[in-house]
Protein backbone atom coordinates (compact mmCIF):
# COMPACT_ATOMS: atom_id res chain seq x y z
CA MET A 1 -31.48 -34.83 -54.74
CA PRO A 2 -31.22 -37.95 -51.64
CA THR A 3 -31.71 -40.60 -54.49
CA GLU A 4 -28.36 -39.39 -56.31
CA LEU A 5 -26.69 -39.39 -52.82
CA GLN A 6 -27.63 -42.71 -51.93
CA LYS A 7 -26.20 -43.91 -55.20
CA THR A 8 -22.86 -41.93 -54.69
CA GLU A 9 -22.58 -43.55 -51.24
CA GLN A 10 -23.39 -47.14 -52.23
CA GLU A 11 -20.70 -46.78 -55.61
CA LEU A 12 -17.73 -45.01 -52.96
CA LYS A 13 -18.96 -47.82 -50.55
CA ILE A 14 -18.54 -50.72 -53.49
CA LYS A 15 -14.90 -48.70 -53.86
CA ASN A 16 -13.98 -49.05 -50.59
CA TYR A 17 -13.76 -45.78 -50.05
CA ASN A 18 -12.97 -44.90 -46.53
CA SER A 19 -15.87 -43.43 -44.44
CA LYS A 20 -14.37 -39.68 -43.77
CA THR A 21 -13.93 -39.64 -47.24
CA ILE A 22 -17.05 -40.80 -48.19
CA LYS A 23 -18.70 -38.59 -45.56
CA SER A 24 -16.95 -35.42 -47.32
CA TYR A 25 -17.71 -36.15 -51.07
CA LEU A 26 -21.52 -36.19 -49.61
CA TYR A 27 -20.76 -33.01 -48.81
CA GLY A 28 -19.40 -31.89 -51.16
CA LEU A 29 -21.88 -32.86 -53.77
CA ARG A 30 -24.90 -31.59 -52.01
CA LYS A 31 -23.02 -28.21 -51.40
CA TYR A 32 -23.38 -28.34 -55.56
CA PHE A 33 -26.64 -29.81 -56.10
CA SER A 34 -28.05 -26.94 -53.70
CA PHE A 35 -25.94 -24.82 -56.23
CA LYS A 36 -26.95 -26.69 -59.51
CA THR A 37 -30.60 -24.73 -60.97
CA ASN A 38 -30.77 -27.97 -63.93
CA SER A 39 -30.82 -31.49 -64.26
CA TYR A 40 -28.56 -32.93 -62.00
CA LEU A 41 -27.82 -36.17 -64.30
CA GLN A 42 -26.91 -33.86 -67.48
CA LEU A 43 -22.55 -32.55 -67.21
CA ASN A 44 -21.87 -28.73 -68.11
CA GLN A 45 -18.87 -27.82 -67.66
CA GLU A 46 -19.61 -23.81 -67.06
CA ASN A 47 -21.75 -24.91 -64.20
CA ILE A 48 -19.18 -26.92 -62.27
CA ARG A 49 -16.87 -24.14 -62.90
CA ASN A 50 -18.62 -21.55 -61.66
CA PHE A 51 -19.65 -23.09 -59.10
CA LEU A 52 -16.09 -22.94 -58.00
CA LEU A 53 -15.31 -19.53 -58.69
CA HIS A 54 -18.99 -19.45 -56.06
CA CYS A 55 -16.91 -21.64 -53.69
CA GLU A 56 -13.55 -19.60 -54.19
CA GLN A 57 -15.56 -16.48 -52.63
CA LYS A 58 -16.52 -18.01 -50.16
CA GLY A 59 -13.52 -18.21 -48.77
CA ILE A 60 -13.30 -21.59 -49.10
CA SER A 61 -9.62 -22.87 -49.18
CA PRO A 62 -7.82 -24.38 -52.18
CA GLN A 63 -7.87 -28.32 -50.95
CA SER A 64 -11.55 -27.99 -50.10
CA ARG A 65 -12.58 -27.05 -53.56
CA LYS A 66 -10.37 -29.61 -54.58
CA LEU A 67 -12.21 -32.20 -52.97
CA PHE A 68 -15.29 -30.79 -54.21
CA LEU A 69 -14.26 -30.94 -57.58
CA ASN A 70 -12.99 -34.38 -57.06
CA ALA A 71 -16.98 -35.66 -55.94
CA ILE A 72 -17.82 -34.15 -58.97
CA LYS A 73 -15.91 -35.76 -60.72
CA PHE A 74 -16.38 -39.05 -59.47
CA TYR A 75 -19.91 -38.53 -59.21
CA TYR A 76 -19.95 -37.94 -63.01
CA ARG A 77 -17.51 -41.02 -64.21
CA ASN A 78 -19.25 -43.77 -61.70
CA VAL A 79 -22.73 -42.72 -60.87
CA THR A 80 -23.94 -41.55 -64.32
CA LYS A 81 -21.67 -42.93 -66.03
CA ASN A 82 -20.92 -39.80 -67.95
CA LEU A 83 -18.38 -40.36 -69.92
CA GLN A 84 -17.04 -36.87 -70.77
CA LYS A 85 -13.40 -35.54 -69.70
CA ILE A 86 -14.50 -32.79 -67.27
CA GLU A 87 -11.52 -29.99 -68.41
CA ILE A 88 -11.14 -27.89 -65.03
CA GLN A 89 -8.11 -27.72 -63.28
CA SER A 90 -7.51 -28.31 -59.37
CA ALA A 91 -7.01 -24.78 -57.05
CA LYS A 92 -3.13 -25.19 -56.26
CA LYS A 93 -1.97 -24.43 -52.76
CA PRO A 94 -0.84 -21.39 -51.90
CA LYS A 95 2.32 -20.87 -51.34
CA SER A 96 4.01 -19.57 -47.77
CA LEU A 97 7.49 -19.00 -46.86
CA PRO A 98 9.33 -20.82 -44.09
CA ILE A 99 9.47 -20.12 -40.24
CA VAL A 100 13.02 -18.14 -39.68
CA LEU A 101 14.23 -17.10 -36.87
CA SER A 102 16.22 -14.45 -35.99
CA ARG A 103 20.02 -14.51 -35.29
CA ILE A 104 18.88 -13.08 -31.36
CA GLU A 105 15.78 -16.08 -31.47
CA ILE A 106 18.52 -18.30 -31.68
CA ARG A 107 21.08 -16.72 -29.15
CA LYS A 108 18.57 -17.32 -26.74
CA ILE A 109 17.29 -21.12 -27.62
CA ILE A 110 20.88 -22.02 -27.28
CA ALA A 111 21.56 -20.34 -24.02
CA SER A 112 18.56 -21.34 -22.32
CA LEU A 113 20.21 -25.47 -22.88
CA ARG A 114 21.50 -26.64 -19.93
CA ASN A 115 23.90 -28.93 -21.32
CA PRO A 116 25.64 -26.85 -25.07
CA LYS A 117 26.84 -30.21 -26.36
CA HIS A 118 23.17 -31.87 -26.72
């Protein structure tokens, strides 16, 4: 496993990836390699799906799962030179409602202004 991570780190540096991206990708790959039971060189989409599902069950955010998937894709495309397409959709970011102030809260804000023109 360490040699695969070293190869990935070298490839990321050659492609001029940001140091924080390199750190994040290596972290994601370390998690994936510890989850994966068979050979790292063998691409198994079902195993990748199971890993992402495992991450979701552990409460890992959609953004982190998307980063893990991108790290795995980078590893297989650029390090192992496996050209098989990984057809897994990344997790969507949950939508949240905007925060809306009540009429009373707006009145309090306006009343607290010293100069009502500004």
